[in-house]
Amino acid sequence: MIQLPLISESLFKQHSPVTSNTDITEFVPYISIAQELHIEPVLGEPLMSELKEQIADNSLTAENSDLILKIAPALSFYAVYQALPFHWATIVNKGITIRESENSKGIDIKDLAQLRQWIKNDADILKGQLIDFLYRCRASYPLWRPESGCPERKENDFDSGFYFKKK
């Protein structure tokens, strides 16, 4: 199947941590990569196929339009996470070069690693919010079948360090 991004460039700009005056054309290929690696396992193949078909036909339902708006933040952050190493360095015929210009200085690999970790942490939280949304609204998304690696929420899930069993 053709790799069709679920979000538009404007949604990417709206939700990603890159500045609004950044040329995002270099980020666009990473939207599809991030989608395949981080979003498809959450949605599952049936729901993903439905979304792609509706986007291609320009016929998104109201529920799926809401879902795209919930996907956009996580997908945007994951796309930046995937793209960062290739914005720091470029692969050319002579090898790998670090990008620098006359008016700026590139960060070092430790700074890049830290920045990527912060972005991934935020992306993981946003993905958790997406999963929570899908669980709360599961009646509206009957095709939602996350892959086995995706954590599914249960009624008795808890998010604190303490668990008191009911008697």
N, C-alpha and C. Protein backbone atom coordinates (compact mmCIF):
# COMPACT_ATOMS: atom_id res chain seq x y z
N MET A 1 0.84 -1.18 0.00
CA MET A 1 0.00 0.00 0.00
C MET A 1 0.89 1.24 0.00
N ILE A 2 0.45 2.28 -0.69
CA ILE A 2 1.19 3.53 -0.75
C ILE A 2 1.24 4.16 0.64
N GLN A 3 2.41 4.69 0.99
CA GLN A 3 2.58 5.32 2.29
C GLN A 3 1.96 6.72 2.23
N LEU A 4 0.77 6.85 2.76
CA LEU A 4 0.02 8.10 2.76
C LEU A 4 0.06 8.69 4.16
N PRO A 5 0.64 9.88 4.32
CA PRO A 5 0.68 10.47 5.67
C PRO A 5 -0.73 10.78 6.17
N LEU A 6 -0.95 10.51 7.44
CA LEU A 6 -2.26 10.77 8.04
C LEU A 6 -2.48 12.25 8.33
N ILE A 7 -1.38 12.99 8.47
CA ILE A 7 -1.52 14.41 8.80
C ILE A 7 -0.97 15.28 7.68
N SER A 8 -1.51 16.45 7.58
CA SER A 8 -1.05 17.41 6.57
C SER A 8 0.16 18.17 7.10
N GLU A 9 0.81 18.89 6.21
CA GLU A 9 1.95 19.71 6.62
C GLU A 9 1.51 20.78 7.61
N SER A 10 0.31 21.32 7.44
CA SER A 10 -0.16 22.35 8.37
C SER A 10 -0.41 21.77 9.76
N LEU A 11 -0.95 20.56 9.85
CA LEU A 11 -1.11 19.91 11.16
C LEU A 11 0.24 19.61 11.78
N PHE A 12 1.19 19.20 10.95
CA PHE A 12 2.54 18.95 11.45
C PHE A 12 3.13 20.23 12.05
N LYS A 13 3.04 21.33 11.32
CA LYS A 13 3.57 22.61 11.81
C LYS A 13 2.88 23.04 13.10
N GLN A 14 1.59 22.82 13.16
CA GLN A 14 0.80 23.24 14.33
C GLN A 14 1.19 22.47 15.58
N HIS A 15 1.54 21.20 15.44
CA HIS A 15 1.75 20.34 16.61
C HIS A 15 3.20 19.96 16.88
N SER A 16 4.11 20.23 15.97
CA SER A 16 5.49 19.80 16.18
C SER A 16 6.28 20.85 16.96
N PRO A 17 7.42 20.45 17.50
CA PRO A 17 8.25 21.40 18.24
C PRO A 17 9.14 22.27 17.35
N VAL A 18 9.07 22.13 16.03
CA VAL A 18 9.88 22.98 15.15
C VAL A 18 9.22 24.35 15.04
N THR A 19 10.03 25.36 14.81
CA THR A 19 9.50 26.72 14.74
C THR A 19 8.67 26.92 13.47
N SER A 20 7.78 27.86 13.52
CA SER A 20 6.85 28.07 12.41
C SER A 20 7.55 28.55 11.14
N ASN A 21 8.72 29.17 11.26
CA ASN A 21 9.41 29.65 10.06
C ASN A 21 10.38 28.62 9.48
N THR A 22 10.37 27.40 10.01
CA THR A 22 11.22 26.33 9.50
C THR A 22 10.64 25.75 8.21
N ASP A 23 11.50 25.52 7.24
CA ASP A 23 11.08 24.84 6.02
C ASP A 23 10.89 23.36 6.36
N ILE A 24 9.65 22.92 6.34
CA ILE A 24 9.37 21.56 6.81
C ILE A 24 9.46 20.51 5.71
N THR A 25 9.83 20.89 4.51
CA THR A 25 9.89 19.90 3.43
C THR A 25 10.86 18.78 3.76
N GLU A 26 11.91 19.08 4.54
CA GLU A 26 12.85 18.02 4.92
C GLU A 26 12.29 17.10 6.00
N PHE A 27 11.22 17.52 6.67
CA PHE A 27 10.60 16.69 7.70
C PHE A 27 9.52 15.77 7.13
N VAL A 28 8.96 16.14 5.99
CA VAL A 28 7.82 15.41 5.43
C VAL A 28 8.08 13.90 5.26
N PRO A 29 9.23 13.46 4.74
CA PRO A 29 9.43 12.01 4.62
C PRO A 29 9.42 11.28 5.96
N TYR A 30 9.77 11.98 7.01
CA TYR A 30 9.84 11.35 8.33
C TYR A 30 8.46 11.20 8.97
N ILE A 31 7.48 11.92 8.44
CA ILE A 31 6.11 11.74 8.93
C ILE A 31 5.66 10.31 8.61
N SER A 32 5.92 9.85 7.40
CA SER A 32 5.53 8.48 7.01
C SER A 32 6.31 7.44 7.79
N ILE A 33 7.58 7.68 8.02
CA ILE A 33 8.39 6.74 8.80
C ILE A 33 7.88 6.65 10.23
N ALA A 34 7.65 7.80 10.85
CA ALA A 34 7.14 7.83 12.22
C ALA A 34 5.76 7.18 12.31
N GLN A 35 4.95 7.42 11.30
CA GLN A 35 3.61 6.83 11.25
C GLN A 35 3.69 5.31 11.25
N GLU A 36 4.57 4.78 10.41
CA GLU A 36 4.70 3.32 10.30
C GLU A 36 5.27 2.71 11.58
N LEU A 37 6.26 3.36 12.18
CA LEU A 37 6.93 2.80 13.35
C LEU A 37 6.16 2.99 14.65
N HIS A 38 5.47 4.12 14.80
CA HIS A 38 4.92 4.47 16.11
C HIS A 38 3.40 4.57 16.16
N ILE A 39 2.73 4.88 15.06
CA ILE A 39 1.28 5.08 15.08
C ILE A 39 0.52 3.85 14.58
N GLU A 40 1.00 3.22 13.52
CA GLU A 40 0.31 2.04 12.99
C GLU A 40 0.13 0.94 14.04
N PRO A 41 1.14 0.65 14.89
CA PRO A 41 0.91 -0.38 15.91
C PRO A 41 -0.20 -0.01 16.90
N VAL A 42 -0.41 1.27 17.13
CA VAL A 42 -1.46 1.71 18.05
C VAL A 42 -2.84 1.57 17.39
N LEU A 43 -2.93 1.94 16.14
CA LEU A 43 -4.23 1.92 15.45
C LEU A 43 -4.62 0.52 14.98
N GLY A 44 -3.65 -0.26 14.57
CA GLY A 44 -3.94 -1.56 13.97
C GLY A 44 -4.23 -1.39 12.49
N GLU A 45 -4.07 -2.46 11.76
CA GLU A 45 -4.20 -2.42 10.30
C GLU A 45 -5.60 -2.05 9.82
N PRO A 46 -6.69 -2.58 10.40
CA PRO A 46 -8.01 -2.23 9.88
C PRO A 46 -8.34 -0.73 9.98
N LEU A 47 -8.08 -0.14 11.15
CA LEU A 47 -8.38 1.29 11.33
C LEU A 47 -7.43 2.14 10.49
N MET A 48 -6.18 1.73 10.41
CA MET A 48 -5.21 2.47 9.60
C MET A 48 -5.63 2.47 8.13
N SER A 49 -6.06 1.35 7.63
CA SER A 49 -6.51 1.26 6.24
C SER A 49 -7.72 2.15 6.00
N GLU A 50 -8.66 2.14 6.93
CA GLU A 50 -9.85 2.99 6.79
C GLU A 50 -9.46 4.48 6.75
N LEU A 51 -8.56 4.89 7.63
CA LEU A 51 -8.13 6.28 7.65
C LEU A 51 -7.45 6.68 6.35
N LYS A 52 -6.53 5.83 5.87
CA LYS A 52 -5.83 6.13 4.62
C LYS A 52 -6.80 6.21 3.45
N GLU A 53 -7.76 5.30 3.41
CA GLU A 53 -8.74 5.30 2.32
C GLU A 53 -9.58 6.57 2.35
N GLN A 54 -10.03 6.95 3.54
CA GLN A 54 -10.85 8.16 3.65
C GLN A 54 -10.04 9.42 3.34
N ILE A 55 -8.77 9.45 3.73
CA ILE A 55 -7.92 10.59 3.41
C ILE A 55 -7.71 10.68 1.90
N ALA A 56 -7.44 9.54 1.28
CA ALA A 56 -7.21 9.51 -0.17
C ALA A 56 -8.46 9.96 -0.93
N ASP A 57 -9.63 9.57 -0.43
CA ASP A 57 -10.90 9.93 -1.09
C ASP A 57 -11.45 11.27 -0.63
N ASN A 58 -10.76 11.91 0.32
CA ASN A 58 -11.23 13.16 0.92
C ASN A 58 -12.64 13.00 1.48
N SER A 59 -12.83 11.90 2.24
CA SER A 59 -14.16 11.59 2.77
C SER A 59 -14.10 11.21 4.25
N LEU A 60 -13.29 11.91 5.04
CA LEU A 60 -13.16 11.59 6.46
C LEU A 60 -14.49 11.76 7.19
N THR A 61 -14.84 10.77 7.98
CA THR A 61 -16.02 10.89 8.82
C THR A 61 -15.70 11.85 9.96
N ALA A 62 -16.71 12.30 10.67
CA ALA A 62 -16.49 13.21 11.80
C ALA A 62 -15.64 12.54 12.87
N GLU A 63 -15.92 11.27 13.15
CA GLU A 63 -15.16 10.54 14.17
C GLU A 63 -13.69 10.40 13.76
N ASN A 64 -13.46 10.06 12.50
CA ASN A 64 -12.09 9.89 12.04
C ASN A 64 -11.36 11.22 11.92
N SER A 65 -12.09 12.28 11.66
CA SER A 65 -11.49 13.61 11.65
C SER A 65 -11.01 13.97 13.06
N ASP A 66 -11.83 13.65 14.06
CA ASP A 66 -11.43 13.85 15.46
C ASP A 66 -10.20 13.01 15.79
N LEU A 67 -10.18 11.78 15.29
CA LEU A 67 -9.05 10.90 15.54
C LEU A 67 -7.76 11.46 14.93
N ILE A 68 -7.84 11.99 13.72
CA ILE A 68 -6.65 12.58 13.09
C ILE A 68 -6.11 13.72 13.95
N LEU A 69 -7.01 14.51 14.53
CA LEU A 69 -6.57 15.61 15.41
C LEU A 69 -5.91 15.08 16.68
N LYS A 70 -6.29 13.89 17.11
CA LYS A 70 -5.64 13.26 18.28
C LYS A 70 -4.32 12.61 17.90
N ILE A 71 -4.20 12.16 16.66
CA ILE A 71 -2.97 11.53 16.17
C ILE A 71 -1.89 12.58 15.92
N ALA A 72 -2.29 13.76 15.45
CA ALA A 72 -1.35 14.79 14.99
C ALA A 72 -0.24 15.14 15.98
N PRO A 73 -0.52 15.38 17.26
CA PRO A 73 0.59 15.74 18.16
C PRO A 73 1.63 14.63 18.30
N ALA A 74 1.19 13.41 18.54
CA ALA A 74 2.14 12.30 18.70
C ALA A 74 2.91 12.06 17.42
N LEU A 75 2.23 12.03 16.29
CA LEU A 75 2.89 11.78 15.02
C LEU A 75 3.88 12.89 14.69
N SER A 76 3.55 14.12 14.98
CA SER A 76 4.44 15.25 14.72
C SER A 76 5.72 15.13 15.55
N PHE A 77 5.57 14.83 16.83
CA PHE A 77 6.75 14.69 17.68
C PHE A 77 7.60 13.50 17.26
N TYR A 78 6.97 12.38 16.92
CA TYR A 78 7.74 11.22 16.46
C TYR A 78 8.46 11.50 15.14
N ALA A 79 7.84 12.29 14.26
CA ALA A 79 8.49 12.63 12.98
C ALA A 79 9.75 13.46 13.24
N VAL A 80 9.68 14.40 14.17
CA VAL A 80 10.86 15.21 14.50
C VAL A 80 11.92 14.32 15.15
N TYR A 81 11.49 13.41 16.02
CA TYR A 81 12.41 12.47 16.66
C TYR A 81 13.17 11.65 15.61
N GLN A 82 12.45 11.17 14.59
CA GLN A 82 13.08 10.37 13.54
C GLN A 82 14.00 11.21 12.66
N ALA A 83 13.65 12.48 12.45
CA ALA A 83 14.39 13.33 11.52
C ALA A 83 15.63 13.97 12.12
N LEU A 84 15.65 14.19 13.43
CA LEU A 84 16.74 14.97 14.03
C LEU A 84 18.15 14.52 13.67
N PRO A 85 18.48 13.24 13.71
CA PRO A 85 19.85 12.86 13.36
C PRO A 85 20.25 13.28 11.95
N PHE A 86 19.29 13.30 11.04
CA PHE A 86 19.58 13.63 9.65
C PHE A 86 19.57 15.14 9.40
N HIS A 87 19.10 15.89 10.39
CA HIS A 87 19.21 17.34 10.31
C HIS A 87 20.50 17.81 10.97
N TRP A 88 21.05 16.98 11.82
CA TRP A 88 22.32 17.30 12.49
C TRP A 88 23.49 16.98 11.57
N ALA A 89 23.39 15.86 10.87
CA ALA A 89 24.47 15.42 9.98
C ALA A 89 23.87 15.04 8.63
N THR A 90 24.70 15.11 7.61
CA THR A 90 24.27 14.77 6.26
C THR A 90 25.19 13.68 5.71
N ILE A 91 24.61 12.72 5.02
CA ILE A 91 25.39 11.68 4.37
C ILE A 91 25.67 12.14 2.94
N VAL A 92 26.95 12.29 2.61
CA VAL A 92 27.37 12.73 1.28
C VAL A 92 28.39 11.73 0.73
N ASN A 93 28.82 11.92 -0.50
CA ASN A 93 29.78 11.00 -1.13
C ASN A 93 31.06 10.84 -0.32
N LYS A 94 31.53 11.92 0.29
CA LYS A 94 32.78 11.88 1.04
C LYS A 94 32.63 11.29 2.44
N GLY A 95 31.41 11.09 2.87
CA GLY A 95 31.18 10.57 4.22
C GLY A 95 30.02 11.30 4.88
N ILE A 96 30.10 11.39 6.19
CA ILE A 96 29.06 12.06 6.96
C ILE A 96 29.60 13.40 7.44
N THR A 97 28.84 14.46 7.20
CA THR A 97 29.28 15.79 7.61
C THR A 97 28.26 16.40 8.56
N ILE A 98 28.75 17.20 9.50
CA ILE A 98 27.88 17.91 10.43
C ILE A 98 27.46 19.22 9.78
N ARG A 99 26.19 19.53 9.88
CA ARG A 99 25.67 20.75 9.27
C ARG A 99 25.99 21.96 10.15
N GLU A 100 26.64 22.94 9.59
CA GLU A 100 26.89 24.22 10.25
C GLU A 100 26.79 25.31 9.21
N SER A 101 26.54 26.51 9.67
CA SER A 101 26.52 27.65 8.75
C SER A 101 27.33 28.79 9.36
N GLU A 102 27.46 29.87 8.63
CA GLU A 102 28.25 31.00 9.10
C GLU A 102 27.66 31.64 10.35
N ASN A 103 26.34 31.63 10.46
CA ASN A 103 25.67 32.34 11.54
C ASN A 103 25.25 31.45 12.70
N SER A 104 25.55 30.18 12.64
CA SER A 104 25.13 29.29 13.71
C SER A 104 26.17 28.19 13.91
N LYS A 105 26.08 27.56 15.05
CA LYS A 105 26.98 26.46 15.39
C LYS A 105 26.12 25.24 15.69
N GLY A 106 26.47 24.12 15.10
CA GLY A 106 25.74 22.89 15.35
C GLY A 106 25.98 22.37 16.76
N ILE A 107 25.01 21.62 17.27
CA ILE A 107 25.16 21.01 18.59
C ILE A 107 26.00 19.75 18.47
N ASP A 108 26.53 19.28 19.59
CA ASP A 108 27.31 18.04 19.53
C ASP A 108 26.38 16.83 19.73
N ILE A 109 26.95 15.66 19.58
CA ILE A 109 26.16 14.42 19.61
C ILE A 109 25.47 14.21 20.96
N LYS A 110 26.09 14.64 22.05
CA LYS A 110 25.46 14.49 23.38
C LYS A 110 24.23 15.38 23.49
N ASP A 111 24.34 16.61 22.99
CA ASP A 111 23.19 17.51 23.00
C ASP A 111 22.07 16.97 22.12
N LEU A 112 22.43 16.42 20.97
CA LEU A 112 21.44 15.84 20.07
C LEU A 112 20.73 14.66 20.74
N ALA A 113 21.50 13.83 21.41
CA ALA A 113 20.91 12.67 22.10
C ALA A 113 19.94 13.13 23.19
N GLN A 114 20.32 14.15 23.94
CA GLN A 114 19.44 14.67 24.99
C GLN A 114 18.17 15.26 24.39
N LEU A 115 18.31 16.04 23.33
CA LEU A 115 17.15 16.63 22.67
C LEU A 115 16.22 15.55 22.14
N ARG A 116 16.78 14.54 21.51
CA ARG A 116 15.96 13.43 20.99
C ARG A 116 15.22 12.73 22.12
N GLN A 117 15.89 12.55 23.27
CA GLN A 117 15.24 11.88 24.39
C GLN A 117 14.06 12.71 24.90
N TRP A 118 14.24 14.02 25.01
CA TRP A 118 13.13 14.88 25.45
C TRP A 118 11.96 14.81 24.49
N ILE A 119 12.26 14.84 23.20
CA ILE A 119 11.19 14.77 22.20
C ILE A 119 10.50 13.42 22.24
N LYS A 120 11.27 12.35 22.40
CA LYS A 120 10.66 11.01 22.47
C LYS A 120 9.79 10.86 23.72
N ASN A 121 10.27 11.41 24.85
CA ASN A 121 9.46 11.35 26.07
C ASN A 121 8.11 12.02 25.86
N ASP A 122 8.12 13.21 25.26
CA ASP A 122 6.87 13.91 24.97
C ASP A 122 6.01 13.12 23.99
N ALA A 123 6.64 12.56 22.95
CA ALA A 123 5.90 11.78 21.96
C ALA A 123 5.25 10.56 22.61
N ASP A 124 5.96 9.91 23.52
CA ASP A 124 5.39 8.74 24.21
C ASP A 124 4.19 9.13 25.06
N ILE A 125 4.25 10.28 25.72
CA ILE A 125 3.10 10.76 26.50
C ILE A 125 1.93 11.05 25.58
N LEU A 126 2.20 11.71 24.47
CA LEU A 126 1.14 12.01 23.51
C LEU A 126 0.54 10.73 22.91
N LYS A 127 1.37 9.72 22.70
CA LYS A 127 0.86 8.43 22.21
C LYS A 127 -0.04 7.78 23.28
N GLY A 128 0.35 7.90 24.53
CA GLY A 128 -0.49 7.38 25.61
C GLY A 128 -1.84 8.07 25.65
N GLN A 129 -1.86 9.38 25.39
CA GLN A 129 -3.12 10.12 25.34
C GLN A 129 -3.97 9.66 24.17
N LEU A 130 -3.33 9.34 23.05
CA LEU A 130 -4.04 8.81 21.89
C LEU A 130 -4.68 7.46 22.23
N ILE A 131 -3.93 6.61 22.90
CA ILE A 131 -4.46 5.30 23.29
C ILE A 131 -5.63 5.47 24.26
N ASP A 132 -5.49 6.38 25.22
CA ASP A 132 -6.58 6.65 26.16
C ASP A 132 -7.84 7.13 25.42
N PHE A 133 -7.64 8.02 24.44
CA PHE A 133 -8.77 8.52 23.65
C PHE A 133 -9.46 7.36 22.93
N LEU A 134 -8.66 6.51 22.28
CA LEU A 134 -9.24 5.38 21.56
C LEU A 134 -9.98 4.43 22.50
N TYR A 135 -9.44 4.24 23.67
CA TYR A 135 -10.11 3.35 24.62
C TYR A 135 -11.43 3.96 25.09
N ARG A 136 -11.41 5.26 25.43
CA ARG A 136 -12.64 5.94 25.88
C ARG A 136 -13.70 5.95 24.79
N CYS A 137 -13.29 6.10 23.55
CA CYS A 137 -14.22 6.24 22.43
C CYS A 137 -14.28 4.98 21.57
N ARG A 138 -13.96 3.83 22.14
CA ARG A 138 -13.85 2.60 21.35
C ARG A 138 -15.14 2.24 20.63
N ALA A 139 -16.29 2.68 21.12
CA ALA A 139 -17.55 2.40 20.43
C ALA A 139 -17.59 3.10 19.07
N SER A 140 -16.91 4.24 18.95
CA SER A 140 -16.87 4.98 17.68
C SER A 140 -15.83 4.42 16.71
N TYR A 141 -14.95 3.54 17.20
CA TYR A 141 -13.87 3.00 16.37
C TYR A 141 -13.87 1.47 16.43
N PRO A 142 -14.89 0.84 15.85
CA PRO A 142 -14.97 -0.63 15.91
C PRO A 142 -13.82 -1.34 15.20
N LEU A 143 -13.13 -0.64 14.29
CA LEU A 143 -11.99 -1.25 13.58
C LEU A 143 -10.69 -1.14 14.37
N TRP A 144 -10.72 -0.51 15.52
CA TRP A 144 -9.50 -0.34 16.31
C TRP A 144 -9.07 -1.69 16.89
N ARG A 145 -7.95 -2.16 16.39
CA ARG A 145 -7.37 -3.42 16.87
C ARG A 145 -5.86 -3.22 16.95
N PRO A 146 -5.38 -2.70 18.10
CA PRO A 146 -3.94 -2.44 18.21
C PRO A 146 -3.15 -3.73 18.11
N GLU A 147 -1.92 -3.59 17.59
CA GLU A 147 -1.04 -4.75 17.50
C GLU A 147 -0.65 -5.19 18.90
N SER A 148 -0.11 -6.38 19.02
CA SER A 148 0.18 -6.96 20.33
C SER A 148 1.18 -6.15 21.15
N GLY A 149 2.05 -5.38 20.52
CA GLY A 149 3.04 -4.60 21.25
C GLY A 149 2.50 -3.31 21.84
N CYS A 150 1.27 -2.95 21.48
CA CYS A 150 0.67 -1.70 21.95
C CYS A 150 -0.05 -1.93 23.27
N PRO A 151 0.27 -1.15 24.30
CA PRO A 151 -0.43 -1.34 25.58
C PRO A 151 -1.88 -0.90 25.45
N GLU A 152 -2.79 -1.77 25.83
CA GLU A 152 -4.21 -1.44 25.80
C GLU A 152 -4.65 -1.13 27.22
N ARG A 153 -5.44 -0.09 27.39
CA ARG A 153 -5.92 0.31 28.71
C ARG A 153 -7.04 -0.60 29.16
N LYS A 154 -7.09 -0.84 30.43
CA LYS A 154 -8.16 -1.64 31.02
C LYS A 154 -8.87 -0.78 32.05
N GLU A 155 -10.08 -1.19 32.41
CA GLU A 155 -10.88 -0.42 33.37
C GLU A 155 -10.14 -0.22 34.69
N ASN A 156 -9.36 -1.20 35.13
CA ASN A 156 -8.73 -1.11 36.44
C ASN A 156 -7.26 -0.67 36.37
N ASP A 157 -6.85 -0.09 35.24
CA ASP A 157 -5.48 0.43 35.16
C ASP A 157 -5.30 1.54 36.18
N PHE A 158 -4.12 1.65 36.70
CA PHE A 158 -3.82 2.73 37.62
C PHE A 158 -2.50 3.35 37.21
N ASP A 159 -2.30 4.61 37.60
CA ASP A 159 -1.10 5.30 37.16
C ASP A 159 -0.31 5.91 38.31
N SER A 160 -0.49 5.39 39.50
CA SER A 160 0.28 5.88 40.64
C SER A 160 1.18 4.75 41.14
N GLY A 161 1.98 5.06 42.12
CA GLY A 161 2.90 4.07 42.66
C GLY A 161 2.26 3.14 43.68
N PHE A 162 1.00 3.38 44.00
CA PHE A 162 0.33 2.58 45.01
C PHE A 162 -0.88 1.88 44.42
N TYR A 163 -1.09 0.63 44.85
CA TYR A 163 -2.26 -0.10 44.43
C TYR A 163 -2.84 -0.76 45.67
N PHE A 164 -4.10 -0.45 45.93
CA PHE A 164 -4.80 -1.04 47.08
C PHE A 164 -5.87 -1.96 46.54
N LYS A 165 -5.72 -3.22 46.78
CA LYS A 165 -6.68 -4.20 46.30
C LYS A 165 -7.99 -4.03 47.05
N LYS A 166 -9.10 -4.04 46.32
CA LYS A 166 -10.41 -3.94 46.97
C LYS A 166 -10.73 -5.25 47.65
N LYS A 167 -11.34 -5.14 48.82
CA LYS A 167 -11.72 -6.36 49.57
C LYS A 167 -13.10 -6.78 49.24
